[in-house]
């Protein structure tokens, strides 16, 4: 069973790395260093090419306009070089505002022409999830490396097609998991890897807000589901990361009664679930379009870590049983896009590949099945 059926188709990163050398920053800095076989650091590689890598944004909604385009003004290794949009006039306004050629404005029906544009190296797909497969495949066929915003897709089958298309085209595929490039979250990964507190055995997290106006996120055809794939993905990601990227073996789940059934006609308004990991570890998750939540906590035999707020674009705060985490707020999107550009320049694999996005869709699929059946459901990867 797939989750609901859909359409077929702060300081700069340089300042941050300069200031921090310990803890979670060490994990993050390691990702920005060149791989063992790389002859030059990313800055030198980019300067030797004579330009930053060009990114074309596919879909000019709130996230592209409010987060990604501004972040591309702070990146070291990449720049905004084009857009794909259903509104030509809007794309031309973007070209004037951000200083790229109007020749680099494409429609969804002309995205294939990116193949003839040497200014674009990376395509970042920011359309609704049901359209990700369509747009990722088109970008791969055009010979461009691809970032797909999360959730990766709405079915595991679509994830498989996306991965296969990028592999066949010889391009990299990455998922827009910005928190893999944020120091508080990197510290959780470091603690999991080193085992300083022992293995994390009890986890819980929640992400939610009160949705006041109708939008594509409540359209099952486009979104695939409600707050679970939109917001719950962050909790799933963090729990797997705290378990050293292990996937849960089974899940249970319960959808909350809808307080506004006329508003949430097609998708859940709120959902609770529990993930069971090998060895007995668990994570209780919560995602909601009815009430606020923004937290994650993981407990181990010899210590604990918690983030609150945990999943915001800025201002994440954390503490452990040893005391507060003291990391600055960073531009997560700039770090994410620079991280992918560095992978392209050095040949290092992305830490957030399509296979990771596929894993998370498989987990979401199992959670929806468990909520519908009331039964414990094994996760089929």
Protein backbone atom coordinates (compact mmCIF):
# COMPACT_ATOMS: atom_id res chain seq x y z
CA UNK A 1 0.00 0.00 0.00
CA UNK A 2 1.30 3.46 -0.95
CA UNK A 3 0.24 6.56 0.91
CA UNK A 4 -2.70 8.35 -0.69
CA UNK A 5 -2.76 8.13 -4.49
CA UNK A 6 -1.85 11.25 -6.48
CA UNK A 7 -1.12 12.54 -9.97
CA UNK A 8 1.20 10.44 -12.16
CA UNK A 9 3.46 12.71 -13.33
CA UNK A 10 22.12 34.53 10.10
CA UNK A 11 25.77 34.46 9.75
CA UNK A 12 27.22 33.30 6.51
CA UNK A 13 28.33 29.72 6.19
CA UNK A 14 31.94 30.89 5.93
CA UNK A 15 31.59 32.79 9.21
CA UNK A 16 29.93 29.81 10.82
CA UNK A 17 32.72 27.40 9.87
CA UNK A 18 35.31 29.93 10.94
CA UNK A 19 33.79 30.31 14.39
CA UNK A 20 33.11 26.69 15.26
CA UNK A 21 35.53 23.82 15.57
CA UNK A 22 34.02 21.42 18.08
CA UNK A 23 30.96 19.23 18.59
CA UNK A 24 28.30 19.34 15.93
CA UNK A 25 30.29 21.91 13.97
CA UNK A 26 33.01 19.33 13.42
CA UNK A 27 30.49 17.02 11.78
CA UNK A 28 29.24 19.83 9.59
CA UNK A 29 32.71 21.07 8.70
CA UNK A 30 33.69 17.56 7.66
CA UNK A 31 30.95 17.64 5.06
CA UNK A 32 32.36 20.81 3.53
CA UNK A 33 35.93 19.58 3.34
CA UNK A 34 36.98 18.00 0.05
CA UNK A 35 36.83 14.23 -0.20
CA UNK A 36 40.01 12.21 0.14
CA UNK A 37 40.61 12.12 -3.60
CA UNK A 38 39.87 15.78 -4.24
CA UNK A 39 42.89 17.83 -5.31
CA UNK A 40 41.48 21.21 -4.31
CA UNK A 41 39.11 22.76 -1.78
CA UNK A 42 35.62 23.71 -3.04
CA UNK A 43 36.40 27.46 -3.21
CA UNK A 44 39.45 26.81 -5.37
CA UNK A 45 37.56 24.38 -7.57
CA UNK A 46 34.80 26.92 -8.12
CA UNK A 47 37.21 29.77 -8.79
CA UNK A 48 39.19 27.66 -11.24
CA UNK A 49 36.00 27.02 -13.16
CA UNK A 50 35.59 30.79 -13.22
CA UNK A 51 31.99 30.81 -11.96
CA UNK A 52 29.65 29.50 -9.35
CA UNK A 53 27.42 26.57 -10.26
CA UNK A 54 24.10 27.77 -11.63
CA UNK A 55 20.83 26.64 -10.03
CA UNK A 56 17.43 26.82 -11.73
CA UNK A 57 14.42 26.78 -9.42
CA UNK A 58 11.41 24.81 -10.67
CA UNK A 59 8.29 26.33 -9.11
CA UNK A 60 8.20 29.87 -7.71
CA UNK A 61 5.99 29.47 -4.67
CA UNK A 62 6.51 30.70 -1.11
CA UNK A 63 9.46 28.46 -0.31
CA UNK A 64 11.35 29.31 -3.49
CA UNK A 65 10.68 33.03 -3.12
CA UNK A 66 10.91 33.33 0.65
CA UNK A 67 13.81 30.98 1.40
CA UNK A 68 15.73 29.58 -1.56
CA UNK A 69 16.17 32.70 -3.69
CA UNK A 70 17.38 34.80 -0.72
CA UNK A 71 19.68 31.96 0.39
CA UNK A 72 21.26 31.91 -3.06
CA UNK A 73 22.46 35.45 -2.38
CA UNK A 74 24.58 34.03 0.46
CA UNK A 75 25.99 30.88 -1.12
CA UNK A 76 29.71 30.48 -1.87
CA UNK A 77 29.54 27.84 -4.57
CA UNK A 78 26.26 28.35 -6.43
CA UNK A 79 23.99 31.09 -7.72
CA UNK A 80 20.48 31.57 -9.08
CA UNK A 81 20.78 31.11 -12.86
CA UNK A 82 17.23 30.42 -14.06
CA UNK A 83 13.66 29.49 -13.23
CA UNK A 84 10.89 27.22 -14.48
CA UNK A 85 7.40 28.59 -13.93
CA UNK A 86 3.90 28.50 -15.34
CA UNK A 87 3.83 32.31 -15.41
CA UNK A 88 6.25 33.80 -17.94
CA UNK A 89 5.81 37.35 -16.63
CA UNK A 90 6.65 36.20 -13.10
CA UNK A 91 9.79 34.48 -14.34
CA UNK A 92 10.88 37.63 -16.17
CA UNK A 93 10.41 39.66 -12.97
CA UNK A 94 12.65 37.17 -11.19
CA UNK A 95 15.27 37.52 -13.94
CA UNK A 96 15.33 41.29 -13.52
CA UNK A 97 15.39 41.10 -9.73
CA UNK A 98 18.11 38.46 -9.44
CA UNK A 99 20.19 39.37 -12.47
CA UNK A 100 19.98 36.33 -14.74
CA UNK A 101 19.05 36.28 -18.41
CA UNK A 102 15.40 36.17 -19.45
CA UNK A 103 16.55 33.44 -21.83
CA UNK A 104 16.84 31.29 -18.69
CA UNK A 105 13.11 31.54 -17.93
CA UNK A 106 11.34 28.31 -18.91
CA UNK A 107 7.84 26.91 -18.74
CA UNK A 108 6.99 23.41 -17.56
CA UNK A 109 6.48 22.48 -21.20
CA UNK A 110 9.93 23.77 -22.20
CA UNK A 111 11.99 22.48 -19.27
CA UNK A 112 13.78 20.12 -21.66
CA UNK A 113 15.51 23.13 -23.24
CA UNK A 114 17.64 23.36 -20.11
CA UNK A 115 19.84 20.84 -21.89
CA UNK A 116 21.06 23.69 -24.12
CA UNK A 117 21.77 26.10 -21.25
CA UNK A 118 25.36 25.84 -19.95
CA UNK A 119 24.62 28.42 -17.23
CA UNK A 120 22.46 25.89 -15.36
CA UNK A 121 24.20 23.00 -13.59
CA UNK A 122 21.61 22.11 -10.96
CA UNK A 123 17.82 22.02 -11.05
CA UNK A 124 16.00 22.44 -7.73
CA UNK A 125 12.45 21.05 -7.91
CA UNK A 126 10.12 22.99 -5.58
CA UNK A 127 6.74 22.03 -7.05
CA UNK A 128 4.10 20.13 -5.01
CA UNK A 129 5.15 16.55 -4.16
CA UNK A 130 2.92 14.87 -6.73
CA UNK A 131 4.82 16.70 -9.47
CA UNK A 132 8.33 15.93 -8.24
CA UNK A 133 8.75 12.79 -10.34
CA UNK A 134 7.70 14.61 -13.50
CA UNK A 135 10.10 17.49 -12.93
CA UNK A 136 13.05 15.47 -11.63
CA UNK A 137 12.88 13.13 -14.63
CA UNK A 138 12.74 16.11 -17.03
CA UNK A 139 15.76 17.72 -15.35
CA UNK A 140 17.74 14.48 -15.43
CA UNK A 141 16.98 14.02 -19.13
CA UNK A 142 18.31 17.54 -19.66
CA UNK A 143 21.58 16.40 -18.10
CA UNK A 144 21.32 18.48 -14.93
CA UNK A 145 22.05 17.48 -11.36
CA UNK A 146 18.87 17.59 -9.28
CA UNK A 147 17.64 18.55 -5.83
CA UNK A 148 14.10 17.42 -5.04
CA UNK A 149 12.37 19.23 -2.21
CA UNK A 150 10.94 17.02 0.52
CA UNK A 151 8.87 14.91 0.67
CA UNK A 152 10.66 13.28 -2.24
CA UNK A 153 7.44 12.05 -3.86
CA UNK A 154 4.07 10.59 -2.94
CA UNK A 155 4.79 6.92 -3.66
CA UNK A 156 7.79 4.65 -3.34
CA UNK A 157 7.30 3.76 -7.00
CA UNK A 158 7.80 7.40 -8.01
CA UNK A 159 10.95 7.54 -5.88
CA UNK A 160 12.29 4.51 -7.72
CA UNK A 161 11.62 6.12 -11.09
CA UNK A 162 13.35 9.34 -10.01
CA UNK A 163 16.41 7.50 -8.75
CA UNK A 164 16.59 5.40 -11.92
CA UNK A 165 16.26 8.45 -14.20
CA UNK A 166 19.12 10.28 -12.49
CA UNK A 167 21.29 7.17 -12.49
CA UNK A 168 20.64 6.60 -16.20
CA UNK A 169 21.52 10.23 -16.96
CA UNK A 170 24.69 10.13 -14.85
CA UNK A 171 23.59 13.04 -12.63
CA UNK A 172 23.42 13.39 -8.85
CA UNK A 173 20.09 13.39 -7.02
CA UNK A 174 19.77 15.03 -3.61
CA UNK A 175 16.79 15.70 -1.31
CA UNK A 176 16.12 19.11 0.26
CA UNK A 177 16.88 18.01 3.81
CA UNK A 178 18.23 21.35 5.05
CA UNK A 179 18.68 20.22 8.66
CA UNK A 180 21.55 17.94 7.70
CA UNK A 181 23.46 21.21 7.30
CA UNK A 182 22.55 22.74 10.67
CA UNK A 183 24.91 22.45 13.69
CA UNK A 184 22.44 21.48 16.44
CA UNK A 185 21.19 18.59 14.32
CA UNK A 186 24.77 17.72 13.39
CA UNK A 187 25.50 17.37 17.11
CA UNK A 188 22.76 14.76 17.45
CA UNK A 189 24.35 12.86 14.59
CA UNK A 190 27.77 13.13 16.24
CA UNK A 191 26.47 11.87 19.59
CA UNK A 192 24.78 8.95 17.86
CA UNK A 193 27.95 8.09 15.97
CA UNK A 194 30.34 8.35 18.94
CA UNK A 195 27.98 6.70 21.42
CA UNK A 196 29.06 9.10 24.17
CA UNK A 197 25.67 8.81 25.89
CA UNK A 198 25.09 5.25 24.71
CA UNK A 199 22.52 4.43 22.02
CA UNK A 200 19.44 6.63 21.87
CA UNK A 201 16.58 4.41 23.01
CA UNK A 202 13.60 6.68 23.70
CA UNK A 203 12.77 9.51 21.33
CA UNK A 204 9.82 11.79 20.74
CA UNK A 205 9.20 14.71 18.44
CA UNK A 206 6.46 16.86 17.01
CA UNK A 207 6.02 19.52 14.37
CA UNK A 208 2.81 21.41 13.70
CA UNK A 209 1.05 24.71 13.17
CA UNK A 210 -2.50 25.94 12.83
CA UNK A 211 -3.35 26.13 9.12
CA UNK A 212 -5.74 29.05 8.63
CA UNK A 213 -6.21 29.11 4.87
CA UNK A 214 -6.77 26.45 2.25
CA UNK A 215 -3.86 25.69 -0.09
CA UNK A 216 -2.38 22.85 -2.12
CA UNK A 217 -1.20 21.14 1.08
CA UNK A 218 -4.77 20.03 1.80
CA UNK A 219 -5.27 18.78 -1.78
CA UNK A 220 -4.50 15.06 -1.68
CA UNK A 221 -3.92 14.96 -5.43
CA UNK A 222 -0.99 17.36 -5.09
CA UNK A 223 0.29 16.83 -1.55
CA UNK A 224 -0.25 13.08 -1.18
CA UNK A 225 -1.27 13.57 2.43
CA UNK A 226 -1.51 16.19 5.16
CA UNK A 227 0.93 17.14 7.91
CA UNK A 228 2.59 13.71 7.98
CA UNK A 229 4.60 14.03 4.73
CA UNK A 230 4.86 17.82 5.04
CA UNK A 231 5.91 18.15 8.70
CA UNK A 232 6.21 14.64 10.07
CA UNK A 233 9.09 13.97 7.68
CA UNK A 234 11.28 16.12 9.93
CA UNK A 235 10.55 13.93 12.97
CA UNK A 236 11.12 10.76 10.94
CA UNK A 237 14.41 12.17 9.65
CA UNK A 238 15.66 13.08 13.11
CA UNK A 239 14.75 9.74 14.67
CA UNK A 240 16.53 7.82 11.92
CA UNK A 241 19.52 10.12 12.25
CA UNK A 242 19.66 9.54 16.01
CA UNK A 243 19.73 5.83 15.23
CA UNK A 244 22.67 6.30 12.84
CA UNK A 245 20.41 6.37 9.78
CA UNK A 246 18.68 3.11 10.64
CA UNK A 247 15.07 2.81 9.50
CA UNK A 248 12.35 1.61 11.89
CA UNK A 249 11.25 -1.98 11.53
CA UNK A 250 7.56 -1.34 12.28
CA UNK A 251 5.08 1.42 13.10
CA UNK A 252 1.75 2.01 14.78
CA UNK A 253 -0.36 5.12 14.21
CA UNK A 254 -3.61 6.93 14.94
CA UNK A 255 -5.22 9.81 13.09
CA UNK A 256 -6.80 12.39 15.39
CA UNK A 257 -10.49 13.31 14.95
CA UNK A 258 -10.95 16.27 12.61
CA UNK A 259 -12.08 19.45 14.31
CA UNK A 260 -12.66 21.09 10.90
CA UNK A 261 -13.85 18.32 8.60
CA UNK A 262 -14.98 20.79 5.94
CA UNK A 263 -11.46 22.22 5.80
CA UNK A 264 -9.58 18.92 5.87
CA UNK A 265 -11.79 17.04 3.43
CA UNK A 266 -9.06 14.97 1.80
CA UNK A 267 -6.11 14.76 4.20
CA UNK A 268 -5.53 14.20 7.89
CA UNK A 269 -5.46 17.25 10.16
CA UNK A 270 -3.34 15.64 12.86
CA UNK A 271 -1.64 12.28 13.34
CA UNK A 272 0.33 10.45 16.04
CA UNK A 273 2.60 7.49 15.36
CA UNK A 274 5.27 5.35 17.00
CA UNK A 275 8.31 3.96 15.22
CA UNK A 276 9.94 0.79 16.52
CA UNK A 277 13.64 0.28 15.79
CA UNK A 278 15.72 -2.88 15.98
CA UNK A 279 16.90 -3.47 19.54
CA UNK A 280 13.80 -1.97 21.15
CA UNK A 281 14.33 1.77 20.59
CA UNK A 282 11.18 3.80 19.89
CA UNK A 283 10.19 7.25 18.70
CA UNK A 284 6.76 8.80 19.32
CA UNK A 285 5.94 11.23 16.52
CA UNK A 286 3.31 13.93 16.08
CA UNK A 287 2.38 16.14 13.10
CA UNK A 288 -0.46 18.63 12.97
CA UNK A 289 -2.15 21.34 10.93
CA UNK A 290 -4.28 22.19 13.99
CA UNK A 291 -1.81 23.05 16.74
CA UNK A 292 1.75 24.17 17.20
CA UNK A 293 4.68 21.88 17.98
CA UNK A 294 8.39 22.15 17.23
CA UNK A 295 10.46 19.79 19.35
CA UNK A 296 12.64 16.68 19.42
CA UNK A 297 14.16 14.76 22.34
CA UNK A 298 16.32 11.64 22.46
CA UNK A 299 17.33 9.78 25.61
CA UNK A 300 20.20 7.32 26.04
CA UNK A 301 21.44 5.37 29.08
CA UNK A 302 24.00 8.04 29.98
CA UNK A 303 22.53 11.28 28.72
CA UNK A 304 19.91 13.06 26.65
CA UNK A 305 19.59 15.73 23.98
CA UNK A 306 16.66 17.95 23.07
CA UNK A 307 15.92 20.66 20.52
CA UNK A 308 13.16 23.24 21.04
CA UNK A 309 12.54 24.85 18.62
CA UNK A 310 13.81 21.96 16.57
CA UNK A 311 12.79 22.32 12.92
CA UNK A 312 12.57 26.05 12.17
CA UNK A 313 14.37 27.85 9.35
CA UNK A 314 16.20 29.94 11.96
CA UNK A 315 16.68 30.13 15.70
CA UNK A 316 17.04 26.44 16.57
CA UNK A 317 18.00 25.93 20.21
CA UNK A 318 19.30 22.81 21.88
CA UNK A 319 20.58 21.40 25.11
CA UNK A 320 21.98 18.12 26.36
CA UNK A 321 22.38 16.56 29.79
CA UNK A 322 25.77 18.32 29.83
CA UNK A 323 24.30 21.78 29.27
CA UNK A 324 23.14 24.11 26.49
CA UNK A 325 24.37 23.83 22.91
CA UNK A 326 26.06 27.07 21.87
CA UNK A 327 25.85 27.20 18.10
CA UNK A 328 24.80 30.21 16.05
CA UNK A 329 21.81 30.33 13.77
CA UNK A 330 22.85 29.55 10.19
CA UNK A 331 21.21 29.85 6.80
CA UNK A 332 20.19 26.21 6.42
CA UNK A 333 19.15 26.50 2.79
CA UNK A 334 22.41 28.18 1.78
CA UNK A 335 24.37 25.44 3.52
CA UNK A 336 22.28 22.74 1.88
CA UNK A 337 22.76 24.11 -1.63
CA UNK A 338 26.46 24.80 -1.11
CA UNK A 339 26.81 21.29 0.26
CA UNK A 340 25.35 19.82 -2.92
CA UNK A 341 27.51 22.06 -5.12
CA UNK A 342 30.58 20.88 -3.18
CA UNK A 343 29.61 17.27 -3.85
CA UNK A 344 29.39 17.98 -7.57
CA UNK A 345 32.73 19.82 -7.59
CA UNK A 346 34.60 17.14 -5.65
CA UNK A 347 32.77 14.00 -6.68
CA UNK A 348 31.79 13.19 -3.09
CA UNK A 349 28.37 11.51 -2.66
CA UNK A 350 25.64 13.70 -1.22
CA UNK A 351 24.79 12.93 2.43
CA UNK A 352 21.09 13.30 1.56
CA UNK A 353 20.61 11.11 -1.54
CA UNK A 354 17.46 9.97 -3.26
CA UNK A 355 17.69 6.65 -1.45
CA UNK A 356 17.23 8.47 1.85
CA UNK A 357 14.14 10.24 0.53
CA UNK A 358 12.79 6.91 -0.69
CA UNK A 359 13.31 5.39 2.78
CA UNK A 360 11.25 8.16 4.35
CA UNK A 361 8.40 7.69 1.88
CA UNK A 362 8.39 3.97 2.70
CA UNK A 363 8.07 4.86 6.40
CA UNK A 364 5.26 7.34 5.70
CA UNK A 365 3.49 4.70 3.62
CA UNK A 366 3.61 2.29 6.56
CA UNK A 367 2.35 4.97 8.99
CA UNK A 368 -0.68 5.68 6.83
CA UNK A 369 -1.40 1.97 6.53
CA UNK A 370 -1.14 1.57 10.32
CA UNK A 371 -3.49 4.52 10.92
CA UNK A 372 -6.04 3.10 8.48
CA UNK A 373 -5.90 -0.46 9.84
CA UNK A 374 -5.30 0.14 13.52
CA UNK A 375 -2.63 -2.54 13.33
CA UNK A 376 1.14 -2.66 13.78
CA UNK A 377 2.65 -2.48 10.29
CA UNK A 378 6.15 -3.60 9.27
CA UNK A 379 8.15 -1.03 7.28
CA UNK A 380 8.91 -2.37 3.82
CA UNK A 381 12.00 -0.66 2.40
